[in-house]
C-alpha atoms as a PDB file:
ATOM      1  CA  MET A   1      78.749 102.610 104.448  1.00  0.00           C
ATOM      2  CA  ARG A   2      81.426 104.151 102.072  1.00  0.00           C
ATOM      3  CA  GLY A   3      85.263 102.373 101.670  1.00  0.00           C
ATOM      4  CA  LEU A   4      87.711 102.081 104.003  1.00  0.00           C
ATOM      5  CA  ILE A   5      90.141 104.834 104.055  1.00  0.00           C
ATOM      6  CA  LEU A   6      93.687 105.143 105.799  1.00  0.00           C
ATOM      7  CA  MET A   7      95.132 108.209 107.135  1.00  0.00           C
ATOM      8  CA  ILE A   8      98.858 108.186 107.681  1.00  0.00           C
ATOM      9  CA  GLY A   9     100.843 110.686 109.789  1.00  0.00           C
ATOM     10  CA  ASP A  10     102.603 111.175 112.899  1.00  0.00           C
ATOM     11  CA  ASP A  11     100.333 113.279 115.019  1.00  0.00           C
ATOM     12  CA  PHE A  12      97.169 111.848 116.196  1.00  0.00           C
ATOM     13  CA  GLU A  13      95.449 115.436 117.518  1.00  0.00           C
ATOM     14  CA  GLU A  14      96.411 117.192 114.136  1.00  0.00           C
ATOM     15  CA  GLN A  15      95.158 114.176 112.000  1.00  0.00           C
ATOM     16  CA  GLY A  16      92.372 113.269 114.730  1.00  0.00           C
ATOM     17  CA  MET A  17      90.266 116.583 113.940  1.00  0.00           C
ATOM     18  CA  LEU A  18      90.591 115.776 110.207  1.00  0.00           C
ATOM     19  CA  ARG A  19      89.822 112.518 110.419  1.00  0.00           C
ATOM     20  CA  ALA A  20      86.451 113.523 112.401  1.00  0.00           C
ATOM     21  CA  ARG A  21      85.793 115.631 110.023  1.00  0.00           C
ATOM     22  CA  LEU A  22      86.264 113.320 107.424  1.00  0.00           C
ATOM     23  CA  ASN A  23      83.810 110.575 108.928  1.00  0.00           C
ATOM     24  CA  SER A  24      81.020 112.980 109.850  1.00  0.00           C
ATOM     25  CA  ILE A  25      80.453 113.580 105.844  1.00  0.00           C
ATOM     26  CA  GLY A  26      80.712 110.386 105.042  1.00  0.00           C
ATOM     27  CA  PHE A  27      84.134 108.530 104.756  1.00  0.00           C
ATOM     28  CA  ASN A  28      84.832 105.843 107.367  1.00  0.00           C
ATOM     29  CA  VAL A  29      88.473 106.805 108.097  1.00  0.00           C
ATOM     30  CA  ILE A  30      91.080 105.308 110.232  1.00  0.00           C
ATOM     31  CA  TRP A  31      94.537 106.829 111.265  1.00  0.00           C
ATOM     32  CA  VAL A  32      97.630 105.036 111.531  1.00  0.00           C
ATOM     33  CA  HIS A  33     101.273 106.455 112.580  1.00  0.00           C
ATOM     34  CA  ALA A  34     103.558 106.675 110.039  1.00  0.00           C
ATOM     35  CA  ALA A  35     106.172 104.354 111.987  1.00  0.00           C
ATOM     36  CA  THR A  36     103.733 101.378 111.482  1.00  0.00           C
ATOM     37  CA  ILE A  37     103.890 101.670 107.833  1.00  0.00           C
ATOM     38  CA  LEU A  38     107.749 101.729 107.719  1.00  0.00           C
ATOM     39  CA  GLY A  39     108.171  98.673 109.942  1.00  0.00           C
ATOM     40  CA  ASN A  40     104.926  96.694 108.524  1.00  0.00           C
ATOM     41  CA  GLN A  41     103.645  94.856 105.592  1.00  0.00           C
ATOM     42  CA  TRP A  42     100.231  94.951 106.991  1.00  0.00           C
ATOM     43  CA  VAL A  43      98.703  97.520 104.254  1.00  0.00           C
ATOM     44  CA  LYS A  44      99.271  95.048 101.565  1.00  0.00           C
ATOM     45  CA  THR A  45      96.552  92.934 103.018  1.00  0.00           C
ATOM     46  CA  SER A  46      94.231  95.242 104.202  1.00  0.00           C
ATOM     47  CA  GLN A  47      90.938  96.432 102.232  1.00  0.00           C
ATOM     48  CA  PHE A  48      91.435 100.093 101.781  1.00  0.00           C
ATOM     49  CA  GLU A  49      89.857 102.475  99.045  1.00  0.00           C
ATOM     50  CA  GLY A  50      92.587 104.707  99.253  1.00  0.00           C
ATOM     51  CA  ILE A  51      95.127 106.431 101.767  1.00  0.00           C
ATOM     52  CA  ILE A  52      95.421 109.976 102.736  1.00  0.00           C
ATOM     53  CA  LEU A  53      98.952 111.092 103.610  1.00  0.00           C
ATOM     54  CA  ASN A  54     100.185 113.656 105.737  1.00  0.00           C
ATOM     55  CA  PHE A  55     103.677 114.725 104.348  1.00  0.00           C
ATOM     56  CA  ASP A  56     105.184 117.053 106.222  1.00  0.00           C
ATOM     57  CA  MET A  57     105.749 115.124 109.383  1.00  0.00           C
ATOM     58  CA  GLN A  58     108.239 116.319 112.482  1.00  0.00           C
ATOM     59  CA  HIS A  59     109.417 112.603 113.076  1.00  0.00           C
ATOM     60  CA  HIS A  60     109.009 110.685 109.880  1.00  0.00           C
ATOM     61  CA  ASN A  61     110.256 111.844 105.841  1.00  0.00           C
ATOM     62  CA  GLY A  62     106.933 111.699 103.874  1.00  0.00           C
ATOM     63  CA  MET A  63     108.872 110.878 100.967  1.00  0.00           C
ATOM     64  CA  ALA A  64     110.032 107.410 102.387  1.00  0.00           C
ATOM     65  CA  VAL A  65     106.725 106.451 103.841  1.00  0.00           C
ATOM     66  CA  LEU A  66     105.218 107.205 100.373  1.00  0.00           C
ATOM     67  CA  GLU A  67     107.766 105.031  98.713  1.00  0.00           C
ATOM     68  CA  SER A  68     106.940 102.300 100.959  1.00  0.00           C
ATOM     69  CA  LEU A  69     103.311 103.018 100.532  1.00  0.00           C
ATOM     70  CA  HIS A  70     103.947 102.645  96.911  1.00  0.00           C
ATOM     71  CA  LYS A  71     105.653  99.109  97.395  1.00  0.00           C
ATOM     72  CA  LEU A  72     103.487  97.826  99.842  1.00  0.00           C
ATOM     73  CA  SER A  73     100.357  98.899  98.308  1.00  0.00           C
ATOM     74  CA  GLY A  74     100.865  99.933  95.109  1.00  0.00           C
ATOM     75  CA  GLU A  75      97.433  99.944  93.630  1.00  0.00           C
ATOM     76  CA  THR A  76      95.859 101.525  96.435  1.00  0.00           C
ATOM     77  CA  PRO A  77      95.987 105.209  95.365  1.00  0.00           C
ATOM     78  CA  VAL A  78      97.358 108.381  97.938  1.00  0.00           C
ATOM     79  CA  ILE A  79      96.440 111.526  98.046  1.00  0.00           C
ATOM     80  CA  VAL A  80      99.553 113.530  99.638  1.00  0.00           C
ATOM     81  CA  MET A  81      98.746 116.610 102.071  1.00  0.00           C
ATOM     82  CA  SER A  82     101.589 119.134 102.668  1.00  0.00           C
ATOM     83  CA  CYS A  83     102.483 122.866 103.564  1.00  0.00           C
ATOM     84  CA  LEU A  84     104.452 123.105 101.105  1.00  0.00           C
ATOM     85  CA  SER A  85     102.867 122.862  97.435  1.00  0.00           C
ATOM     86  CA  THR A  86     106.196 123.514  95.136  1.00  0.00           C
ATOM     87  CA  HIS A  87     105.584 122.634  91.635  1.00  0.00           C
ATOM     88  CA  GLU A  88     108.528 120.400  92.133  1.00  0.00           C
ATOM     89  CA  ARG A  89     107.781 118.871  95.134  1.00  0.00           C
ATOM     90  CA  LEU A  90     104.239 117.868  93.710  1.00  0.00           C
ATOM     91  CA  GLU A  91     105.813 115.989  90.510  1.00  0.00           C
ATOM     92  CA  GLU A  92     107.982 114.792  92.602  1.00  0.00           C
ATOM     93  CA  THR A  93     105.602 113.259  94.633  1.00  0.00           C
ATOM     94  CA  LEU A  94     103.536 112.104  91.713  1.00  0.00           C
ATOM     95  CA  ARG A  95     106.635 110.473  90.521  1.00  0.00           C
ATOM     96  CA  LYS A  96     106.813 108.535  93.502  1.00  0.00           C
ATOM     97  CA  GLY A  97     103.311 106.938  93.635  1.00  0.00           C
ATOM     98  CA  ALA A  98     100.836 109.450  94.469  1.00  0.00           C
ATOM     99  CA  ARG A  99      97.511 109.658  92.521  1.00  0.00           C
ATOM    100  CA  ASP A 100      96.855 113.500  93.677  1.00  0.00           C
ATOM    101  CA  TYR A 101      97.975 116.049  96.309  1.00  0.00           C
ATOM    102  CA  VAL A 102      96.027 118.931  98.538  1.00  0.00           C
ATOM    103  CA  SER A 103      97.355 122.001 100.011  1.00  0.00           C
ATOM    104  CA  LEU A 104      97.166 122.679 103.818  1.00  0.00           C
ATOM    105  CA  PRO A 105      95.612 123.860 105.407  1.00  0.00           C
ATOM    106  CA  GLU A 106      93.279 121.361 103.967  1.00  0.00           C
ATOM    107  CA  ASP A 107      89.802 122.237 102.310  1.00  0.00           C
ATOM    108  CA  ILE A 108      87.920 119.692 103.393  1.00  0.00           C
ATOM    109  CA  ASP A 109      85.460 120.000 100.142  1.00  0.00           C
ATOM    110  CA  LEU A 110      88.276 119.449  97.722  1.00  0.00           C
ATOM    111  CA  LEU A 111      89.628 117.088  99.682  1.00  0.00           C
ATOM    112  CA  ARG A 112      86.038 115.525  99.744  1.00  0.00           C
ATOM    113  CA  GLU A 113      85.576 115.791  95.902  1.00  0.00           C
ATOM    114  CA  LYS A 114      89.305 113.634  95.408  1.00  0.00           C
ATOM    115  CA  CYS A 115      88.608 110.975  97.758  1.00  0.00           C
ATOM    116  CA  LEU A 116      85.331 110.513  95.833  1.00  0.00           C
ATOM    117  CA  ARG A 117      87.697 110.705  92.333  1.00  0.00           C
ATOM    118  CA  HIS A 118      90.419 108.601  93.172  1.00  0.00           C
ATOM    119  CA  PHE A 119      89.592 106.382  95.756  1.00  0.00           C
ATOM    120  CA  GLN A 120      86.028 103.793  94.844  1.00  0.00           C
ATOM    121  CA  VAL A 121      83.674 105.014  97.372  1.00  0.00           C
ATOM    122  CA  ARG A 122      80.263 106.176  96.404  1.00  0.00           C
ATOM    123  CA  GLU A 123      78.327 109.588  97.073  1.00  0.00           C
ATOM    124  CA  GLU A 124      75.509 108.075  99.269  1.00  0.00           C
ATOM    125  CA  THR A 125      72.192 109.397  98.082  1.00  0.00           C
ATOM    126  CA  PRO A 126      68.635 109.559  99.819  1.00  0.00           C
ATOM    127  CA  HIS A 127      67.670 106.187  98.421  1.00  0.00           C
ATOM    128  CA  HIS A 128      70.946 104.438  99.393  1.00  0.00           C
ATOM    129  CA  ARG A 129      71.299 105.964 103.247  1.00  0.00           C
ATOM    130  CA  PRO A 130      70.778 103.139 105.628  1.00  0.00           C
ATOM    131  CA  SER A 131      67.761 103.547 107.563  1.00  0.00           C
ATOM    132  CA  HIS A 132      67.061 105.466 110.648  1.00  0.00           C
ATOM    133  CA  GLN A 133      63.542 103.757 111.713  1.00  0.00           C
ATOM    134  CA  GLY A 134      63.368 102.636 114.870  1.00  0.00           C
ATOM    135  CA  ARG A 135      66.447 104.439 116.537  1.00  0.00           C
ATOM    136  CA  ALA A 136      65.144 107.207 119.034  1.00  0.00           C
ATOM    137  CA  GLN A 137      66.050 110.671 118.076  1.00  0.00           C
ATOM    138  CA  GLN A 138      69.123 112.494 119.947  1.00  0.00           C
END
């Protein structure tokens, strides 16, 4: 199993589809509402290999969430996703603690590549996949 990745946003349905796509290609992704991050410090003690932050939230300031994440778990790499990909915005997110940036709509292959590059997760190979012997075929 791959490492645990935290996805943060404020639209469960929108991020839920992306979470399901990432889980289907082998990542172990959980989603949490941005308000949880702004109000709590539980991220500090949790064991996440990386964080994916939806920067373009309707009800929360993406930069404020990024700054909170950096304070709470400064060593955990953060990949920011955003529709507004100006050079200035990219530079600002990197200065505020993001490790990388993906423009939306997301390219699942590019996001997968960046997760593998920045998070401590390994690509599963046929030799390291869990055995499915003894399970009924679906």
